[in-house]
Amino acid sequence: MCHSIAILADVQDVMKQFRVDRLLSYNSTRYEVKPTESVSAVMVNRKGERILDEFRWGLMPFWAREAVCGERDSIFSNPTFERIVRKQRCLIPCSGFYIGVPEGKDTTWIRVKMRSGNFAIAGLYDVWRAPSGEEELRTCMMLMTEANDVVLPYQRSMPAILDSEQAEAWLAPEQKDSRQLRSLLRPVDDLLMVSSLLGSAQEKLDISADVGVLA
């Protein structure tokens, strides 16, 4: 799974990259975002507007238990996710992600980035309100696909990273064909990525030193 991510892109860069129409909430310069924390996502509302907002990382539909990440094959083979896959797709802006590799009582951290800079991870979201009338629950999760050769030494899956063309297709409201949507979630070319071993927690903060801005 994806243990945590970093998002360092300026809000204006994110809005330009993903052609966002309306900003509701965005927190930049976040060196480590963990599951159950607030994460930024781009989604399309019923009016066709692209919205940039914050969601709790951990999808929690009213009918299911919480899920931080969803494997591509299990999501698309599960009929209970059909509605969310067809209508509630999102993009999660990201500057890099971290993989924790247990070594005895310790954990070695691996940082993975795109050579080109910031990128988008395919996601799903849900929004609902409990019958008790409590505050609206806004949650999302990242989708995973097979690991490429950069990630495979550490785990068998990796976040489903989308290039600009794939991101457009993923967000398109008219796209409802599950086979075409599933085909977008494939491993990134190895040559486009780079990984590095982090010797300490402090090195997670150094991700800003060599991460580019959104083009």
Protein backbone atom coordinates (compact mmCIF):
# COMPACT_ATOMS: atom_id res chain seq x y z
CA MET A 1 0.00 0.00 0.00
CA CYS A 2 0.94 3.69 -0.02
CA HIS A 3 1.96 4.48 3.56
CA SER A 4 2.02 8.27 3.15
CA ILE A 5 2.42 10.97 0.51
CA ALA A 6 3.84 14.47 0.14
CA ILE A 7 2.09 17.34 -1.65
CA LEU A 8 4.14 20.48 -2.20
CA ALA A 9 2.56 22.07 -5.28
CA ASP A 10 1.25 25.62 -5.06
CA VAL A 11 -2.53 25.91 -5.28
CA GLN A 12 -2.37 27.95 -8.48
CA ASP A 13 -0.22 25.28 -10.13
CA VAL A 14 -2.68 22.56 -9.13
CA MET A 15 -5.66 24.55 -10.41
CA LYS A 16 -3.93 25.18 -13.73
CA GLN A 17 -2.74 21.60 -14.17
CA PHE A 18 -6.17 20.06 -13.54
CA ARG A 19 -8.25 22.92 -14.96
CA VAL A 20 -10.01 23.46 -11.64
CA ASP A 21 -13.07 25.74 -11.84
CA ARG A 22 -13.64 26.29 -8.15
CA LEU A 23 -11.43 26.12 -5.07
CA LEU A 24 -13.07 25.01 -1.83
CA SER A 25 -10.04 23.97 0.19
CA TYR A 26 -6.37 23.15 -0.36
CA ASN A 27 -3.36 22.84 1.95
CA SER A 28 0.05 23.09 0.28
CA THR A 29 3.57 22.33 1.51
CA ARG A 30 2.66 19.13 3.30
CA TYR A 31 5.74 16.94 3.57
CA GLU A 32 3.90 13.90 4.90
CA VAL A 33 0.19 13.13 4.71
CA LYS A 34 -0.91 9.88 6.32
CA PRO A 35 -4.09 7.79 6.05
CA THR A 36 -7.04 9.21 8.06
CA GLU A 37 -5.63 12.74 7.60
CA SER A 38 -7.03 15.37 5.25
CA VAL A 39 -5.86 15.07 1.64
CA SER A 40 -6.54 17.30 -1.39
CA ALA A 41 -8.52 15.93 -4.34
CA VAL A 42 -10.00 17.15 -7.62
CA MET A 43 -13.51 15.97 -8.47
CA VAL A 44 -16.33 16.94 -10.85
CA ASN A 45 -19.67 18.01 -9.36
CA ARG A 46 -23.15 17.58 -10.83
CA LYS A 47 -22.86 20.88 -12.70
CA GLY A 48 -19.74 19.67 -14.46
CA GLU A 49 -17.43 21.96 -12.47
CA ARG A 50 -14.03 20.76 -11.38
CA ILE A 51 -13.69 21.27 -7.65
CA LEU A 52 -10.52 21.22 -5.55
CA ASP A 53 -11.38 20.24 -1.99
CA GLU A 54 -10.18 18.32 1.05
CA PHE A 55 -11.30 14.77 1.91
CA ARG A 56 -10.45 12.42 4.73
CA TRP A 57 -8.01 9.81 3.38
CA GLY A 58 -9.90 6.58 3.94
CA LEU A 59 -13.03 5.89 1.89
CA MET A 60 -15.96 5.16 4.15
CA PRO A 61 -19.18 4.54 2.16
CA PHE A 62 -22.26 4.18 4.34
CA TRP A 63 -22.44 0.48 3.43
CA ALA A 64 -18.80 -0.55 3.95
CA ARG A 65 -15.86 -0.38 6.30
CA GLU A 66 -13.09 2.14 5.76
CA ALA A 67 -10.57 1.56 2.95
CA VAL A 68 -7.39 3.63 2.55
CA CYS A 69 -6.32 2.07 -0.76
CA GLY A 70 -8.19 -0.06 -3.27
CA GLU A 71 -6.58 -2.63 -5.55
CA ARG A 72 -7.63 -2.14 -9.17
CA ASP A 73 -8.75 -5.72 -9.77
CA SER A 74 -10.76 -6.05 -6.56
CA ILE A 75 -12.51 -2.68 -7.04
CA PHE A 76 -13.58 -3.38 -10.61
CA SER A 77 -14.75 -6.90 -9.80
CA ASN A 78 -16.84 -5.78 -6.81
CA PRO A 79 -20.45 -4.90 -7.79
CA THR A 80 -20.89 -2.80 -4.65
CA PHE A 81 -18.35 -0.28 -5.98
CA GLU A 82 -20.06 0.08 -9.37
CA ARG A 83 -21.87 3.35 -8.53
CA ILE A 84 -18.77 4.99 -7.07
CA VAL A 85 -16.57 3.94 -9.99
CA ARG A 86 -19.07 5.32 -12.50
CA LYS A 87 -19.85 8.62 -10.80
CA GLN A 88 -17.37 9.45 -8.03
CA ARG A 89 -13.86 9.41 -9.41
CA CYS A 90 -11.21 11.93 -8.36
CA LEU A 91 -7.55 12.85 -8.75
CA ILE A 92 -5.22 13.18 -5.79
CA PRO A 93 -2.31 15.61 -6.46
CA CYS A 94 0.98 14.24 -5.17
CA SER A 95 4.69 15.14 -5.08
CA GLY A 96 5.96 11.76 -3.90
CA PHE A 97 4.97 8.73 -1.85
CA TYR A 98 6.64 6.69 0.86
CA ILE A 99 6.89 2.94 1.29
CA GLY A 100 7.71 1.44 4.66
CA VAL A 101 9.73 -1.78 4.58
CA PRO A 102 9.83 -3.64 7.95
CA GLU A 103 13.29 -4.81 9.01
CA GLY A 104 13.02 -6.54 12.36
CA LYS A 105 11.86 -3.96 14.87
CA ASP A 106 12.75 -1.08 12.55
CA THR A 107 11.24 0.29 9.34
CA THR A 108 13.23 1.42 6.32
CA TRP A 109 11.55 4.18 4.33
CA ILE A 110 11.68 4.44 0.54
CA ARG A 111 10.70 7.65 -1.24
CA VAL A 112 9.34 7.36 -4.80
CA LYS A 113 8.88 10.32 -7.16
CA MET A 114 8.21 11.09 -10.78
CA ARG A 115 11.24 12.60 -12.53
CA SER A 116 8.98 15.27 -14.08
CA GLY A 117 7.75 16.56 -10.71
CA ASN A 118 4.26 16.48 -9.25
CA PHE A 119 1.66 13.99 -10.47
CA ALA A 120 -1.89 12.69 -10.00
CA ILE A 121 -3.06 9.46 -8.39
CA ALA A 122 -6.42 8.00 -9.42
CA GLY A 123 -8.94 7.94 -6.58
CA LEU A 124 -12.55 7.41 -5.59
CA TYR A 125 -14.57 9.52 -3.16
CA ASP A 126 -17.89 9.46 -1.34
CA VAL A 127 -19.94 12.12 0.43
CA TRP A 128 -22.85 11.35 2.73
CA ARG A 129 -24.58 12.48 5.87
CA ALA A 130 -25.72 10.19 8.68
CA PRO A 131 -29.47 10.09 9.45
CA SER A 132 -28.68 11.74 12.78
CA GLY A 133 -27.87 14.91 10.84
CA GLU A 134 -24.24 15.03 11.90
CA GLU A 135 -21.57 16.78 9.85
CA GLU A 136 -21.18 15.66 6.26
CA LEU A 137 -18.64 12.86 5.84
CA ARG A 138 -16.26 13.41 2.90
CA THR A 139 -13.81 10.56 2.32
CA CYS A 140 -11.60 9.24 -0.48
CA MET A 141 -9.13 6.50 -1.26
CA MET A 142 -6.28 5.94 -3.69
CA LEU A 143 -6.36 3.19 -6.29
CA MET A 144 -3.47 0.77 -6.65
CA THR A 145 -2.15 -1.19 -9.61
CA GLU A 146 0.69 -3.63 -10.22
CA ALA A 147 4.12 -2.43 -9.14
CA ASN A 148 6.67 -1.56 -11.80
CA ASP A 149 10.34 -2.48 -11.45
CA VAL A 150 11.05 0.61 -9.34
CA VAL A 151 8.52 -0.33 -6.67
CA LEU A 152 8.49 -4.14 -6.98
CA PRO A 153 11.58 -4.70 -4.79
CA TYR A 154 9.56 -3.30 -1.88
CA GLN A 155 5.94 -4.33 -2.57
CA ARG A 156 3.70 -5.85 -5.23
CA SER A 157 1.45 -2.83 -5.83
CA MET A 158 1.83 0.91 -6.37
CA PRO A 159 -0.46 3.95 -6.64
CA ALA A 160 -2.24 4.23 -10.01
CA ILE A 161 -0.44 7.31 -11.37
CA LEU A 162 -2.09 9.03 -14.33
CA ASP A 163 -0.48 11.20 -17.00
CA SER A 164 -2.36 14.29 -18.24
CA GLU A 165 -4.33 12.41 -20.91
CA GLN A 166 -5.27 9.59 -18.56
CA ALA A 167 -6.29 12.10 -15.87
CA GLU A 168 -8.68 13.81 -18.29
CA ALA A 169 -10.26 10.47 -19.18
CA TRP A 170 -10.51 9.45 -15.51
CA LEU A 171 -12.39 12.62 -14.56
CA ALA A 172 -14.65 12.74 -17.63
CA PRO A 173 -18.27 12.38 -16.33
CA GLU A 174 -19.40 10.80 -19.59
CA GLN A 175 -16.89 7.97 -19.23
CA LYS A 176 -18.73 5.08 -17.57
CA ASP A 177 -17.26 2.04 -19.32
CA SER A 178 -15.58 0.03 -16.57
CA ARG A 179 -13.23 -1.73 -18.99
CA GLN A 180 -11.89 1.55 -20.35
CA LEU A 181 -11.59 3.03 -16.87
CA ARG A 182 -9.76 -0.04 -15.62
CA SER A 183 -7.34 0.17 -18.55
CA LEU A 184 -6.19 3.60 -17.34
CA LEU A 185 -4.85 2.12 -14.12
CA ARG A 186 -1.58 0.59 -15.25
CA PRO A 187 1.99 0.75 -13.94
CA VAL A 188 4.05 3.81 -14.81
CA ASP A 189 7.05 3.36 -17.09
CA ASP A 190 10.08 2.59 -14.89
CA LEU A 191 12.21 5.26 -16.58
CA LEU A 192 9.80 8.00 -15.50
CA MET A 193 10.28 7.27 -11.80
CA VAL A 194 13.05 7.33 -9.24
CA SER A 195 13.30 5.88 -5.73
CA SER A 196 15.66 6.66 -2.88
CA LEU A 197 16.44 5.14 0.50
CA LEU A 198 15.80 7.46 3.44
CA GLY A 199 18.25 7.09 6.28
CA SER A 200 16.12 8.99 8.78
CA ALA A 201 12.72 10.59 9.31
CA GLN A 202 14.31 13.99 8.67
CA GLU A 203 15.09 13.00 5.10
CA LYS A 204 11.37 12.84 4.39
CA LEU A 205 11.38 16.62 4.72
CA ASP A 206 14.12 16.95 2.13
CA ILE A 207 11.74 15.91 -0.65
CA SER A 208 11.25 19.60 -1.45
CA ALA A 209 14.86 19.97 -2.51
CA ASP A 210 14.47 18.13 -5.81
CA VAL A 211 10.73 18.06 -6.59
CA GLY A 212 9.67 20.20 -9.55
CA VAL A 213 6.50 22.23 -9.96
CA LEU A 214 3.46 21.25 -11.97
CA ALA A 215 3.87 22.12 -15.64
